[in-house]
Amino acid sequence: MNLKLTVLALSALLAAAGCASTKKDDGLVNGCPAGSSKVKSLDDLIEAKLEKAGSIPHIDVVDMRCSNRSGLLRIDADLKNTSRDVRRVAYRFRWLDREGMRAADDEAWKPLLIYGNTLYTITTTSPSQDAADFRLVLMDQDK
């Protein structure tokens, strides 16, 4: 009898673990709004949320996480410098409302130094509760 309960508990635990995923039924991936994009993985999410102003060699966005805090969207984006040299980039966020229209004025470009072979996390919070979605815009400053 005790063995049956143990097997049943392990089966339930494995079933719950098998259902875990970064994609959720509420249209969020890693807590980030997926919008109308076909987002099935973290790579799809990064592709949907990232805009590059030109080529940016050796800088990759490797992770993106979001959460909702008091109605404001909080975003963490991890940028990795894959070269040994220091890279200069600039970034800003474009905030969108639920209909995909701009929810706030354009932000100023924020310069950033990312040392060689390092990871840098950008953290920001939406300017208002109207901002339901976003795009991270990156620009190379080494050119």
C-alpha atoms as a PDB file:
ATOM      1  CA  MET A   1       0.000   0.000   0.000  1.00  0.00           C
ATOM      2  CA  ASN A   2       2.816   2.392   0.920  1.00  0.00           C
ATOM      3  CA  LEU A   3       4.580   1.600  -2.385  1.00  0.00           C
ATOM      4  CA  LYS A   4       1.403   2.457  -4.319  1.00  0.00           C
ATOM      5  CA  LEU A   5       1.183   5.860  -2.605  1.00  0.00           C
ATOM      6  CA  THR A   6       4.852   6.552  -3.328  1.00  0.00           C
ATOM      7  CA  VAL A   7       4.438   5.614  -7.005  1.00  0.00           C
ATOM      8  CA  LEU A   8       1.283   7.744  -7.246  1.00  0.00           C
ATOM      9  CA  ALA A   9       3.024  10.740  -5.618  1.00  0.00           C
ATOM     10  CA  LEU A  10       6.056  10.391  -7.910  1.00  0.00           C
ATOM     11  CA  SER A  11       3.798  10.111 -10.964  1.00  0.00           C
ATOM     12  CA  ALA A  12       1.950  13.279  -9.990  1.00  0.00           C
ATOM     13  CA  LEU A  13       5.245  15.082  -9.392  1.00  0.00           C
ATOM     14  CA  LEU A  14       6.650  14.005 -12.772  1.00  0.00           C
ATOM     15  CA  ALA A  15       3.440  14.993 -14.543  1.00  0.00           C
ATOM     16  CA  ALA A  16       3.558  18.446 -12.954  1.00  0.00           C
ATOM     17  CA  ALA A  17       7.241  18.848 -13.867  1.00  0.00           C
ATOM     18  CA  GLY A  18       6.548  17.759 -17.445  1.00  0.00           C
ATOM     19  CA  CYS A  19       3.929  20.486 -17.806  1.00  0.00           C
ATOM     20  CA  ALA A  20       6.377  23.226 -16.805  1.00  0.00           C
ATOM     21  CA  SER A  21       7.408  25.466 -19.668  1.00  0.00           C
ATOM     22  CA  THR A  22       8.422  29.040 -20.405  1.00  0.00           C
ATOM     23  CA  LYS A  23       5.320  29.373 -22.623  1.00  0.00           C
ATOM     24  CA  LYS A  24       2.080  29.944 -20.732  1.00  0.00           C
ATOM     25  CA  ASP A  25      -1.518  29.919 -21.856  1.00  0.00           C
ATOM     26  CA  ASP A  26      -2.012  33.567 -20.888  1.00  0.00           C
ATOM     27  CA  GLY A  27       0.133  34.834 -23.792  1.00  0.00           C
ATOM     28  CA  LEU A  28       3.301  35.292 -21.732  1.00  0.00           C
ATOM     29  CA  VAL A  29       6.781  33.844 -22.289  1.00  0.00           C
ATOM     30  CA  ASN A  30       9.202  34.277 -19.363  1.00  0.00           C
ATOM     31  CA  GLY A  31       6.557  36.671 -18.033  1.00  0.00           C
ATOM     32  CA  CYS A  32       6.877  38.858 -21.158  1.00  0.00           C
ATOM     33  CA  PRO A  33       3.838  39.684 -23.301  1.00  0.00           C
ATOM     34  CA  ALA A  34       3.951  37.733 -26.551  1.00  0.00           C
ATOM     35  CA  GLY A  35       1.360  39.869 -28.327  1.00  0.00           C
ATOM     36  CA  SER A  36       0.359  38.630 -31.768  1.00  0.00           C
ATOM     37  CA  SER A  37       3.793  37.125 -32.445  1.00  0.00           C
ATOM     38  CA  LYS A  38       4.194  33.370 -32.786  1.00  0.00           C
ATOM     39  CA  VAL A  39       6.388  32.945 -29.726  1.00  0.00           C
ATOM     40  CA  LYS A  40       7.181  29.364 -28.761  1.00  0.00           C
ATOM     41  CA  SER A  41      10.606  29.688 -27.153  1.00  0.00           C
ATOM     42  CA  LEU A  42      13.003  32.147 -25.576  1.00  0.00           C
ATOM     43  CA  ASP A  43      14.723  32.645 -28.946  1.00  0.00           C
ATOM     44  CA  ASP A  44      11.365  33.530 -30.536  1.00  0.00           C
ATOM     45  CA  LEU A  45      10.685  35.986 -27.698  1.00  0.00           C
ATOM     46  CA  ILE A  46      14.038  37.725 -28.131  1.00  0.00           C
ATOM     47  CA  GLU A  47      13.536  37.921 -31.899  1.00  0.00           C
ATOM     48  CA  ALA A  48      10.057  39.423 -31.407  1.00  0.00           C
ATOM     49  CA  LYS A  49      11.147  42.005 -28.807  1.00  0.00           C
ATOM     50  CA  LEU A  50      14.552  43.066 -30.186  1.00  0.00           C
ATOM     51  CA  GLU A  51      15.090  45.750 -32.807  1.00  0.00           C
ATOM     52  CA  LYS A  52      18.607  46.491 -34.018  1.00  0.00           C
ATOM     53  CA  ALA A  53      19.532  49.880 -35.419  1.00  0.00           C
ATOM     54  CA  GLY A  54      22.107  48.451 -37.825  1.00  0.00           C
ATOM     55  CA  SER A  55      24.585  45.640 -37.299  1.00  0.00           C
ATOM     56  CA  ILE A  56      25.860  44.986 -33.767  1.00  0.00           C
ATOM     57  CA  PRO A  57      28.710  42.475 -33.960  1.00  0.00           C
ATOM     58  CA  HIS A  58      29.603  40.390 -30.904  1.00  0.00           C
ATOM     59  CA  ILE A  59      26.604  41.536 -28.815  1.00  0.00           C
ATOM     60  CA  ASP A  60      23.803  39.025 -28.292  1.00  0.00           C
ATOM     61  CA  VAL A  61      20.659  39.216 -26.198  1.00  0.00           C
ATOM     62  CA  VAL A  62      20.738  35.838 -24.458  1.00  0.00           C
ATOM     63  CA  ASP A  63      17.829  36.099 -21.997  1.00  0.00           C
ATOM     64  CA  MET A  64      14.774  38.230 -21.339  1.00  0.00           C
ATOM     65  CA  ARG A  65      12.489  38.136 -18.307  1.00  0.00           C
ATOM     66  CA  CYS A  66       9.462  40.219 -17.388  1.00  0.00           C
ATOM     67  CA  SER A  67       7.192  40.651 -14.412  1.00  0.00           C
ATOM     68  CA  ASN A  68       4.209  42.798 -13.551  1.00  0.00           C
ATOM     69  CA  ARG A  69       4.704  44.921 -10.436  1.00  0.00           C
ATOM     70  CA  SER A  70       1.757  47.070  -9.354  1.00  0.00           C
ATOM     71  CA  GLY A  71       0.546  47.280 -12.953  1.00  0.00           C
ATOM     72  CA  LEU A  72       3.963  48.300 -14.310  1.00  0.00           C
ATOM     73  CA  LEU A  73       5.975  46.046 -16.607  1.00  0.00           C
ATOM     74  CA  ARG A  74       9.471  45.274 -15.267  1.00  0.00           C
ATOM     75  CA  ILE A  75      12.025  43.930 -17.761  1.00  0.00           C
ATOM     76  CA  ASP A  76      15.442  42.304 -17.399  1.00  0.00           C
ATOM     77  CA  ALA A  77      17.418  41.687 -20.599  1.00  0.00           C
ATOM     78  CA  ASP A  78      20.826  39.976 -20.561  1.00  0.00           C
ATOM     79  CA  LEU A  79      23.351  41.179 -23.167  1.00  0.00           C
ATOM     80  CA  LYS A  80      26.493  39.128 -23.778  1.00  0.00           C
ATOM     81  CA  ASN A  81      29.677  40.403 -25.360  1.00  0.00           C
ATOM     82  CA  THR A  82      31.178  37.427 -27.201  1.00  0.00           C
ATOM     83  CA  SER A  83      34.417  39.218 -28.125  1.00  0.00           C
ATOM     84  CA  ARG A  84      37.461  39.902 -25.947  1.00  0.00           C
ATOM     85  CA  ASP A  85      37.235  43.651 -26.604  1.00  0.00           C
ATOM     86  CA  VAL A  86      35.114  46.248 -24.836  1.00  0.00           C
ATOM     87  CA  ARG A  87      32.005  47.045 -26.900  1.00  0.00           C
ATOM     88  CA  ARG A  88      30.046  50.296 -26.805  1.00  0.00           C
ATOM     89  CA  VAL A  89      26.334  50.059 -27.478  1.00  0.00           C
ATOM     90  CA  ALA A  90      23.302  52.215 -26.788  1.00  0.00           C
ATOM     91  CA  TYR A  91      19.788  51.057 -26.012  1.00  0.00           C
ATOM     92  CA  ARG A  92      16.298  52.343 -25.412  1.00  0.00           C
ATOM     93  CA  PHE A  93      12.860  50.858 -24.971  1.00  0.00           C
ATOM     94  CA  ARG A  94       9.852  51.529 -27.165  1.00  0.00           C
ATOM     95  CA  TRP A  95       6.675  51.191 -25.071  1.00  0.00           C
ATOM     96  CA  LEU A  96       3.448  49.969 -26.666  1.00  0.00           C
ATOM     97  CA  ASP A  97      -0.131  49.831 -25.402  1.00  0.00           C
ATOM     98  CA  ARG A  98      -2.502  46.849 -25.733  1.00  0.00           C
ATOM     99  CA  GLU A  99      -3.357  47.831 -29.327  1.00  0.00           C
ATOM    100  CA  GLY A 100       0.298  48.070 -30.391  1.00  0.00           C
ATOM    101  CA  MET A 101       0.355  51.883 -30.476  1.00  0.00           C
ATOM    102  CA  ARG A 102       3.023  53.934 -28.690  1.00  0.00           C
ATOM    103  CA  ALA A 103       2.226  54.223 -25.006  1.00  0.00           C
ATOM    104  CA  ALA A 104       4.966  56.771 -24.209  1.00  0.00           C
ATOM    105  CA  ASP A 105       7.340  59.176 -25.914  1.00  0.00           C
ATOM    106  CA  ASP A 106      10.598  57.722 -27.218  1.00  0.00           C
ATOM    107  CA  GLU A 107      13.228  57.325 -24.547  1.00  0.00           C
ATOM    108  CA  ALA A 108      16.667  58.850 -24.903  1.00  0.00           C
ATOM    109  CA  TRP A 109      19.469  56.522 -25.980  1.00  0.00           C
ATOM    110  CA  LYS A 110      21.353  55.113 -22.995  1.00  0.00           C
ATOM    111  CA  PRO A 111      25.067  54.375 -23.627  1.00  0.00           C
ATOM    112  CA  LEU A 112      26.528  51.163 -22.282  1.00  0.00           C
ATOM    113  CA  LEU A 113      30.030  49.648 -22.081  1.00  0.00           C
ATOM    114  CA  ILE A 114      30.137  45.866 -22.067  1.00  0.00           C
ATOM    115  CA  TYR A 115      33.539  44.430 -21.264  1.00  0.00           C
ATOM    116  CA  GLY A 116      34.921  41.472 -23.194  1.00  0.00           C
ATOM    117  CA  ASN A 117      33.369  38.048 -22.611  1.00  0.00           C
ATOM    118  CA  THR A 118      30.922  39.380 -20.042  1.00  0.00           C
ATOM    119  CA  LEU A 119      27.193  39.457 -19.440  1.00  0.00           C
ATOM    120  CA  TYR A 120      25.368  42.702 -18.654  1.00  0.00           C
ATOM    121  CA  THR A 121      21.758  42.894 -17.458  1.00  0.00           C
ATOM    122  CA  ILE A 122      19.600  45.843 -18.463  1.00  0.00           C
ATOM    123  CA  THR A 123      16.777  46.432 -15.990  1.00  0.00           C
ATOM    124  CA  THR A 124      13.911  48.856 -16.540  1.00  0.00           C
ATOM    125  CA  THR A 125      10.297  49.518 -15.603  1.00  0.00           C
ATOM    126  CA  SER A 126       7.572  50.801 -17.902  1.00  0.00           C
ATOM    127  CA  PRO A 127       6.771  54.513 -17.575  1.00  0.00           C
ATOM    128  CA  SER A 128       3.037  53.947 -16.992  1.00  0.00           C
ATOM    129  CA  GLN A 129       0.366  51.291 -16.654  1.00  0.00           C
ATOM    130  CA  ASP A 130      -0.663  52.033 -20.253  1.00  0.00           C
ATOM    131  CA  ALA A 131       2.523  50.295 -21.471  1.00  0.00           C
ATOM    132  CA  ALA A 132       1.511  46.661 -21.962  1.00  0.00           C
ATOM    133  CA  ASP A 133       4.280  45.662 -24.391  1.00  0.00           C
ATOM    134  CA  PHE A 134       7.747  46.792 -25.453  1.00  0.00           C
ATOM    135  CA  ARG A 135      10.610  46.574 -27.921  1.00  0.00           C
ATOM    136  CA  LEU A 136      14.271  46.766 -26.919  1.00  0.00           C
ATOM    137  CA  VAL A 137      16.177  48.826 -29.486  1.00  0.00           C
ATOM    138  CA  LEU A 138      19.976  48.377 -29.674  1.00  0.00           C
ATOM    139  CA  MET A 139      22.514  50.468 -31.590  1.00  0.00           C
ATOM    140  CA  ASP A 140      26.261  49.950 -32.062  1.00  0.00           C
ATOM    141  CA  GLN A 141      28.393  52.927 -31.007  1.00  0.00           C
ATOM    142  CA  ASP A 142      31.761  51.528 -32.072  1.00  0.00           C
ATOM    143  CA  LYS A 143      31.299  52.409 -35.754  1.00  0.00           C
END
